[in-house]
Amino acid sequence: MEKMPLSDLIINGVSGAGGGTYDNVRIDGVGKVNGAIEARSFKGNGHVHLNDDVKAIEVECNGIMNVKGSLRFGNMKADGLLTIKGGLSGESCALNGMINVKGDCELENLTGRGGFTVGGLLSAGKVEFCLQGQSKANEIGVESLVIRQENKGVWSKLWSGMIPKLKPELRVGIIEGDYIDLENTIADIVRGNVVMIGPGCSIGRVEYRSKLTVYPGVRIMKEEKISE
């Protein structure tokens, strides 16, 4: 029996709709969807409220998007502010802005600039991120992690002093990975094979197997070389 083609969900302006299974979902303006969504392509532009789980192969959001459930995807491009009440999982996430995940975050690749908050575990194959604001995670487990501070100008320093949330730094309990290269990171424990601790870092304990490089003046309470 031949399958019927899936319909599209299109919202323009200020409107709402119900969840379901669609081919393409596009929301432009202020849109609200009640119910879980499953789609091939999801695009949200403006202010989008999603009251359940979202699953799509391709996700693109520009503006503000709130998801009360979990978000699962193949590839995602996010430009703006994204809040996920549940967990986040996908292959590739390119972020330009801020993302707040209450649960765990599981990605193959995370790249971009801005800031992120993960209430649980951030698990990824490769992370390359430029900090433009304060970022937090309970625990990070990766193959490769590179954290940089992007804005180092006078205005950036002034605003970060006035508004702590704008201070470009990463605060995390435990970081574990094969290759770890950090700037402006405050962590209790960093554990890896090749570890580089750069400017602006404060680390409680570093455990490394092959190589440890520390920027002059960086504070590390304890260093330990562990066996292979």
C-alpha atoms as a PDB file:
ATOM      1  CA  MET A   1       0.000   0.000   0.000  1.00  0.00           C
ATOM      2  CA  GLU A   2       1.420   3.357  -1.037  1.00  0.00           C
ATOM      3  CA  LYS A   3       2.144   5.812   1.765  1.00  0.00           C
ATOM      4  CA  MET A   4       0.379   9.142   1.701  1.00  0.00           C
ATOM      5  CA  PRO A   5       2.745  12.133   1.548  1.00  0.00           C
ATOM      6  CA  LEU A   6       3.071  14.079   4.777  1.00  0.00           C
ATOM      7  CA  SER A   7       1.565  17.539   5.006  1.00  0.00           C
ATOM      8  CA  ASP A   8       3.399  20.730   6.006  1.00  0.00           C
ATOM      9  CA  LEU A   9       2.744  22.906   9.036  1.00  0.00           C
ATOM     10  CA  ILE A  10       3.069  26.611   8.258  1.00  0.00           C
ATOM     11  CA  ILE A  11       2.486  29.359  10.846  1.00  0.00           C
ATOM     12  CA  ASN A  12       2.747  33.046   9.904  1.00  0.00           C
ATOM     13  CA  GLY A  13       2.200  35.971  12.264  1.00  0.00           C
ATOM     14  CA  VAL A  14       0.659  35.243  15.661  1.00  0.00           C
ATOM     15  CA  SER A  15      -0.969  31.827  15.698  1.00  0.00           C
ATOM     16  CA  GLY A  16      -0.966  28.311  17.124  1.00  0.00           C
ATOM     17  CA  ALA A  17      -1.336  24.731  15.980  1.00  0.00           C
ATOM     18  CA  GLY A  18      -1.373  21.154  17.185  1.00  0.00           C
ATOM     19  CA  GLY A  19       1.441  18.659  17.122  1.00  0.00           C
ATOM     20  CA  GLY A  20       1.792  15.767  14.731  1.00  0.00           C
ATOM     21  CA  THR A  21       3.991  14.233  12.058  1.00  0.00           C
ATOM     22  CA  TYR A  22       4.871  16.566   9.187  1.00  0.00           C
ATOM     23  CA  ASP A  23       7.214  16.886   6.251  1.00  0.00           C
ATOM     24  CA  ASN A  24       8.136  20.553   6.757  1.00  0.00           C
ATOM     25  CA  VAL A  25       7.383  22.771   9.749  1.00  0.00           C
ATOM     26  CA  ARG A  26       7.936  26.507   9.377  1.00  0.00           C
ATOM     27  CA  ILE A  27       6.996  29.101  11.975  1.00  0.00           C
ATOM     28  CA  ASP A  28       7.464  32.815  11.219  1.00  0.00           C
ATOM     29  CA  GLY A  29       6.430  35.326  13.871  1.00  0.00           C
ATOM     30  CA  VAL A  30       4.994  34.327  17.237  1.00  0.00           C
ATOM     31  CA  GLY A  31       3.935  30.690  17.103  1.00  0.00           C
ATOM     32  CA  LYS A  32       2.837  28.098  19.619  1.00  0.00           C
ATOM     33  CA  VAL A  33       2.476  24.363  19.074  1.00  0.00           C
ATOM     34  CA  ASN A  34       0.670  22.080  21.548  1.00  0.00           C
ATOM     35  CA  GLY A  35       1.730  18.469  21.205  1.00  0.00           C
ATOM     36  CA  ALA A  36       4.801  16.561  20.076  1.00  0.00           C
ATOM     37  CA  ILE A  37       6.248  17.285  16.641  1.00  0.00           C
ATOM     38  CA  GLU A  38       8.081  14.942  14.296  1.00  0.00           C
ATOM     39  CA  ALA A  39       9.258  16.332  10.966  1.00  0.00           C
ATOM     40  CA  ARG A  40      11.847  16.105   8.243  1.00  0.00           C
ATOM     41  CA  SER A  41      12.591  19.831   8.454  1.00  0.00           C
ATOM     42  CA  PHE A  42      11.815  22.336  11.225  1.00  0.00           C
ATOM     43  CA  LYS A  43      12.414  26.098  10.873  1.00  0.00           C
ATOM     44  CA  GLY A  44      11.476  28.678  13.480  1.00  0.00           C
ATOM     45  CA  ASN A  45      11.921  32.420  12.968  1.00  0.00           C
ATOM     46  CA  GLY A  46      10.799  34.821  15.672  1.00  0.00           C
ATOM     47  CA  HIS A  47       9.378  33.726  19.024  1.00  0.00           C
ATOM     48  CA  VAL A  48       8.472  30.029  19.064  1.00  0.00           C
ATOM     49  CA  HIS A  49       6.879  28.039  21.920  1.00  0.00           C
ATOM     50  CA  LEU A  50       6.790  24.251  21.665  1.00  0.00           C
ATOM     51  CA  ASN A  51       4.944  22.503  24.491  1.00  0.00           C
ATOM     52  CA  ASP A  52       6.192  18.949  23.928  1.00  0.00           C
ATOM     53  CA  ASP A  53       9.009  16.906  22.381  1.00  0.00           C
ATOM     54  CA  VAL A  54      10.437  17.853  18.993  1.00  0.00           C
ATOM     55  CA  LYS A  55      12.183  15.464  16.593  1.00  0.00           C
ATOM     56  CA  ALA A  56      13.465  16.517  13.165  1.00  0.00           C
ATOM     57  CA  ILE A  57      16.225  15.651  10.732  1.00  0.00           C
ATOM     58  CA  GLU A  58      17.058  19.311  10.055  1.00  0.00           C
ATOM     59  CA  VAL A  59      16.427  22.103  12.588  1.00  0.00           C
ATOM     60  CA  GLU A  60      16.990  25.815  12.114  1.00  0.00           C
ATOM     61  CA  CYS A  61      15.977  28.505  14.590  1.00  0.00           C
ATOM     62  CA  ASN A  62      16.462  32.258  14.444  1.00  0.00           C
ATOM     63  CA  GLY A  63      15.260  34.283  17.414  1.00  0.00           C
ATOM     64  CA  ILE A  64      13.845  32.805  20.611  1.00  0.00           C
ATOM     65  CA  MET A  65      12.681  29.202  20.894  1.00  0.00           C
ATOM     66  CA  ASN A  66      11.375  27.431  24.004  1.00  0.00           C
ATOM     67  CA  VAL A  67      10.893  23.662  24.051  1.00  0.00           C
ATOM     68  CA  LYS A  68       9.111  22.206  27.099  1.00  0.00           C
ATOM     69  CA  GLY A  69      10.090  18.664  26.165  1.00  0.00           C
ATOM     70  CA  SER A  70      13.215  17.216  24.577  1.00  0.00           C
ATOM     71  CA  LEU A  71      14.772  18.148  21.240  1.00  0.00           C
ATOM     72  CA  ARG A  72      16.256  15.495  18.930  1.00  0.00           C
ATOM     73  CA  PHE A  73      17.748  16.224  15.522  1.00  0.00           C
ATOM     74  CA  GLY A  74      20.252  15.282  12.866  1.00  0.00           C
ATOM     75  CA  ASN A  75      21.696  18.744  12.216  1.00  0.00           C
ATOM     76  CA  MET A  76      20.807  22.063  13.836  1.00  0.00           C
ATOM     77  CA  LYS A  77      21.704  25.701  13.221  1.00  0.00           C
ATOM     78  CA  ALA A  78      20.640  28.020  16.038  1.00  0.00           C
ATOM     79  CA  ASP A  79      20.997  31.795  15.998  1.00  0.00           C
ATOM     80  CA  GLY A  80      19.533  33.424  19.101  1.00  0.00           C
ATOM     81  CA  LEU A  81      18.240  32.091  22.412  1.00  0.00           C
ATOM     82  CA  LEU A  82      17.204  28.441  22.775  1.00  0.00           C
ATOM     83  CA  THR A  83      15.759  26.901  25.961  1.00  0.00           C
ATOM     84  CA  ILE A  84      15.166  23.148  26.311  1.00  0.00           C
ATOM     85  CA  LYS A  85      13.342  21.878  29.410  1.00  0.00           C
ATOM     86  CA  GLY A  86      14.248  18.252  28.686  1.00  0.00           C
ATOM     87  CA  GLY A  87      17.304  16.808  26.977  1.00  0.00           C
ATOM     88  CA  LEU A  88      19.078  17.682  23.732  1.00  0.00           C
ATOM     89  CA  SER A  89      20.545  15.120  21.327  1.00  0.00           C
ATOM     90  CA  GLY A  90      21.783  15.213  17.759  1.00  0.00           C
ATOM     91  CA  GLU A  91      24.640  14.828  15.314  1.00  0.00           C
ATOM     92  CA  SER A  92      25.772  18.392  14.651  1.00  0.00           C
ATOM     93  CA  CYS A  93      24.900  21.701  16.335  1.00  0.00           C
ATOM     94  CA  ALA A  94      26.157  25.071  15.078  1.00  0.00           C
ATOM     95  CA  LEU A  95      25.295  27.749  17.642  1.00  0.00           C
ATOM     96  CA  ASN A  96      25.490  31.512  17.463  1.00  0.00           C
ATOM     97  CA  GLY A  97      23.883  32.707  20.680  1.00  0.00           C
ATOM     98  CA  MET A  98      22.819  31.120  23.953  1.00  0.00           C
ATOM     99  CA  ILE A  99      21.442  27.661  24.676  1.00  0.00           C
ATOM    100  CA  ASN A 100      20.037  26.421  27.986  1.00  0.00           C
ATOM    101  CA  VAL A 101      19.423  22.686  28.407  1.00  0.00           C
ATOM    102  CA  LYS A 102      17.906  21.542  31.699  1.00  0.00           C
ATOM    103  CA  GLY A 103      18.749  17.872  31.164  1.00  0.00           C
ATOM    104  CA  ASP A 104      21.595  16.069  29.417  1.00  0.00           C
ATOM    105  CA  CYS A 105      23.081  17.177  26.112  1.00  0.00           C
ATOM    106  CA  GLU A 106      24.418  14.514  23.729  1.00  0.00           C
ATOM    107  CA  LEU A 107      26.025  15.654  20.466  1.00  0.00           C
ATOM    108  CA  GLU A 108      28.578  14.398  17.994  1.00  0.00           C
ATOM    109  CA  ASN A 109      29.771  17.927  17.157  1.00  0.00           C
ATOM    110  CA  LEU A 110      29.178  21.287  18.855  1.00  0.00           C
ATOM    111  CA  THR A 111      30.643  24.416  17.282  1.00  0.00           C
ATOM    112  CA  GLY A 112      29.941  28.112  17.546  1.00  0.00           C
ATOM    113  CA  ARG A 113      30.086  31.158  19.759  1.00  0.00           C
ATOM    114  CA  GLY A 114      28.044  32.589  22.599  1.00  0.00           C
ATOM    115  CA  GLY A 115      27.223  30.630  25.742  1.00  0.00           C
ATOM    116  CA  PHE A 116      25.666  27.375  26.918  1.00  0.00           C
ATOM    117  CA  THR A 117      24.195  25.983  30.120  1.00  0.00           C
ATOM    118  CA  VAL A 118      23.724  22.239  30.590  1.00  0.00           C
ATOM    119  CA  GLY A 119      22.050  21.066  33.776  1.00  0.00           C
ATOM    120  CA  GLY A 120      23.304  17.496  33.403  1.00  0.00           C
ATOM    121  CA  LEU A 121      26.044  15.884  31.319  1.00  0.00           C
ATOM    122  CA  LEU A 122      27.398  17.408  28.134  1.00  0.00           C
ATOM    123  CA  SER A 123      28.571  14.432  26.093  1.00  0.00           C
ATOM    124  CA  ALA A 124      30.148  15.051  22.693  1.00  0.00           C
ATOM    125  CA  GLY A 125      32.664  13.812  20.202  1.00  0.00           C
ATOM    126  CA  LYS A 126      34.104  17.231  19.342  1.00  0.00           C
ATOM    127  CA  VAL A 127      33.458  20.660  20.867  1.00  0.00           C
ATOM    128  CA  GLU A 128      34.967  23.907  19.546  1.00  0.00           C
ATOM    129  CA  PHE A 129      33.379  26.928  21.200  1.00  0.00           C
ATOM    130  CA  CYS A 130      34.186  30.637  21.578  1.00  0.00           C
ATOM    131  CA  LEU A 131      32.851  32.111  24.813  1.00  0.00           C
ATOM    132  CA  GLN A 132      30.940  35.382  24.593  1.00  0.00           C
ATOM    133  CA  GLY A 133      29.077  34.915  27.869  1.00  0.00           C
ATOM    134  CA  GLN A 134      29.028  32.743  30.956  1.00  0.00           C
ATOM    135  CA  SER A 135      28.657  29.022  30.298  1.00  0.00           C
ATOM    136  CA  LYS A 136      27.982  26.194  32.749  1.00  0.00           C
ATOM    137  CA  ALA A 137      27.815  22.413  32.810  1.00  0.00           C
ATOM    138  CA  ASN A 138      27.638  19.872  35.581  1.00  0.00           C
ATOM    139  CA  GLU A 139      29.986  17.496  33.747  1.00  0.00           C
ATOM    140  CA  ILE A 140      31.605  17.357  30.297  1.00  0.00           C
ATOM    141  CA  GLY A 141      32.713  14.145  28.604  1.00  0.00           C
ATOM    142  CA  VAL A 142      34.301  14.495  25.143  1.00  0.00           C
ATOM    143  CA  GLU A 143      36.859  13.187  22.710  1.00  0.00           C
ATOM    144  CA  SER A 144      38.097  16.708  21.898  1.00  0.00           C
ATOM    145  CA  LEU A 145      37.306  19.985  23.680  1.00  0.00           C
ATOM    146  CA  VAL A 146      38.578  23.436  22.665  1.00  0.00           C
ATOM    147  CA  ILE A 147      37.297  26.460  24.618  1.00  0.00           C
ATOM    148  CA  ARG A 148      38.311  29.991  23.656  1.00  0.00           C
ATOM    149  CA  GLN A 149      37.404  33.493  24.811  1.00  0.00           C
ATOM    150  CA  GLU A 150      36.407  35.460  21.727  1.00  0.00           C
ATOM    151  CA  ASN A 151      35.824  39.027  22.911  1.00  0.00           C
ATOM    152  CA  LYS A 152      38.806  40.571  24.661  1.00  0.00           C
ATOM    153  CA  GLY A 153      38.247  44.253  23.929  1.00  0.00           C
ATOM    154  CA  VAL A 154      37.791  47.085  26.427  1.00  0.00           C
ATOM    155  CA  TRP A 155      33.985  47.159  26.089  1.00  0.00           C
ATOM    156  CA  SER A 156      33.759  43.417  26.584  1.00  0.00           C
ATOM    157  CA  LYS A 157      35.751  43.658  29.822  1.00  0.00           C
ATOM    158  CA  LEU A 158      33.637  46.595  31.025  1.00  0.00           C
ATOM    159  CA  TRP A 159      30.308  44.850  30.428  1.00  0.00           C
ATOM    160  CA  SER A 160      31.493  41.570  31.936  1.00  0.00           C
ATOM    161  CA  GLY A 161      32.447  43.476  35.101  1.00  0.00           C
ATOM    162  CA  MET A 162      29.055  45.188  35.317  1.00  0.00           C
ATOM    163  CA  ILE A 163      26.941  42.152  34.389  1.00  0.00           C
ATOM    164  CA  PRO A 164      28.418  38.806  35.582  1.00  0.00           C
ATOM    165  CA  LYS A 165      26.348  36.784  33.098  1.00  0.00           C
ATOM    166  CA  LEU A 166      28.220  38.516  30.277  1.00  0.00           C
ATOM    167  CA  LYS A 167      31.597  37.419  31.620  1.00  0.00           C
ATOM    168  CA  PRO A 168      33.022  34.974  29.072  1.00  0.00           C
ATOM    169  CA  GLU A 169      33.956  31.949  31.169  1.00  0.00           C
ATOM    170  CA  LEU A 170      33.068  28.287  31.504  1.00  0.00           C
ATOM    171  CA  ARG A 171      32.220  26.844  34.929  1.00  0.00           C
ATOM    172  CA  VAL A 172      32.100  23.065  35.170  1.00  0.00           C
ATOM    173  CA  GLY A 173      32.490  20.358  37.790  1.00  0.00           C
ATOM    174  CA  ILE A 174      34.351  17.634  35.873  1.00  0.00           C
ATOM    175  CA  ILE A 175      35.869  17.580  32.382  1.00  0.00           C
ATOM    176  CA  GLU A 176      37.008  14.271  30.885  1.00  0.00           C
ATOM    177  CA  GLY A 177      38.370  13.773  27.384  1.00  0.00           C
ATOM    178  CA  ASP A 178      41.197  12.674  25.157  1.00  0.00           C
ATOM    179  CA  TYR A 179      42.251  16.150  23.958  1.00  0.00           C
ATOM    180  CA  ILE A 180      41.436  19.150  26.179  1.00  0.00           C
ATOM    181  CA  ASP A 181      42.449  22.756  25.374  1.00  0.00           C
ATOM    182  CA  LEU A 182      40.969  25.402  27.682  1.00  0.00           C
ATOM    183  CA  GLU A 183      40.803  29.151  28.200  1.00  0.00           C
ATOM    184  CA  ASN A 184      38.763  31.043  30.820  1.00  0.00           C
ATOM    185  CA  THR A 185      37.567  27.844  32.465  1.00  0.00           C
ATOM    186  CA  ILE A 186      36.896  27.211  36.143  1.00  0.00           C
ATOM    187  CA  ALA A 187      36.711  23.486  36.902  1.00  0.00           C
ATOM    188  CA  ASP A 188      37.030  21.153  39.885  1.00  0.00           C
ATOM    189  CA  ILE A 189      38.656  18.311  37.929  1.00  0.00           C
ATOM    190  CA  VAL A 190      40.152  18.095  34.432  1.00  0.00           C
ATOM    191  CA  ARG A 191      41.107  14.604  33.322  1.00  0.00           C
ATOM    192  CA  GLY A 192      42.539  13.737  29.901  1.00  0.00           C
ATOM    193  CA  ASN A 193      45.289  12.394  27.687  1.00  0.00           C
ATOM    194  CA  VAL A 194      46.657  15.666  26.240  1.00  0.00           C
ATOM    195  CA  VAL A 195      45.690  18.661  28.391  1.00  0.00           C
ATOM    196  CA  MET A 196      46.387  22.356  27.783  1.00  0.00           C
ATOM    197  CA  ILE A 197      45.380  24.862  30.445  1.00  0.00           C
ATOM    198  CA  GLY A 198      45.379  28.364  28.998  1.00  0.00           C
ATOM    199  CA  PRO A 199      44.912  31.931  30.283  1.00  0.00           C
ATOM    200  CA  GLY A 200      42.031  32.737  32.600  1.00  0.00           C
ATOM    201  CA  CYS A 201      41.711  29.200  33.976  1.00  0.00           C
ATOM    202  CA  SER A 202      41.419  28.056  37.583  1.00  0.00           C
ATOM    203  CA  ILE A 203      41.508  24.287  38.063  1.00  0.00           C
ATOM    204  CA  GLY A 204      41.277  22.277  41.258  1.00  0.00           C
ATOM    205  CA  ARG A 205      42.938  19.106  39.982  1.00  0.00           C
ATOM    206  CA  VAL A 206      44.452  18.069  36.637  1.00  0.00           C
ATOM    207  CA  GLU A 207      45.044  14.424  35.782  1.00  0.00           C
ATOM    208  CA  TYR A 208      46.825  13.708  32.488  1.00  0.00           C
ATOM    209  CA  ARG A 209      48.278  10.667  30.754  1.00  0.00           C
ATOM    210  CA  SER A 210      50.572  11.932  27.960  1.00  0.00           C
ATOM    211  CA  LYS A 211      51.121  15.683  28.106  1.00  0.00           C
ATOM    212  CA  LEU A 212      50.239  18.726  30.225  1.00  0.00           C
ATOM    213  CA  THR A 213      50.862  22.320  29.107  1.00  0.00           C
ATOM    214  CA  VAL A 214      50.074  25.170  31.504  1.00  0.00           C
ATOM    215  CA  TYR A 215      49.993  28.880  30.649  1.00  0.00           C
ATOM    216  CA  PRO A 216      52.190  30.967  33.016  1.00  0.00           C
ATOM    217  CA  GLY A 217      50.314  32.285  36.029  1.00  0.00           C
ATOM    218  CA  VAL A 218      47.387  29.881  35.760  1.00  0.00           C
ATOM    219  CA  ARG A 219      46.175  28.497  39.071  1.00  0.00           C
ATOM    220  CA  ILE A 220      46.103  24.698  39.439  1.00  0.00           C
ATOM    221  CA  MET A 221      45.751  23.260  42.928  1.00  0.00           C
ATOM    222  CA  LYS A 222      47.113  19.802  42.065  1.00  0.00           C
ATOM    223  CA  GLU A 223      48.671  18.102  39.015  1.00  0.00           C
ATOM    224  CA  GLU A 224      49.055  14.353  38.592  1.00  0.00           C
ATOM    225  CA  LYS A 225      50.391  12.203  35.759  1.00  0.00           C
ATOM    226  CA  ILE A 226      48.403   8.974  35.658  1.00  0.00           C
ATOM    227  CA  SER A 227      49.309   5.664  34.016  1.00  0.00           C
ATOM    228  CA  GLU A 228      48.087   4.687  30.537  1.00  0.00           C
END
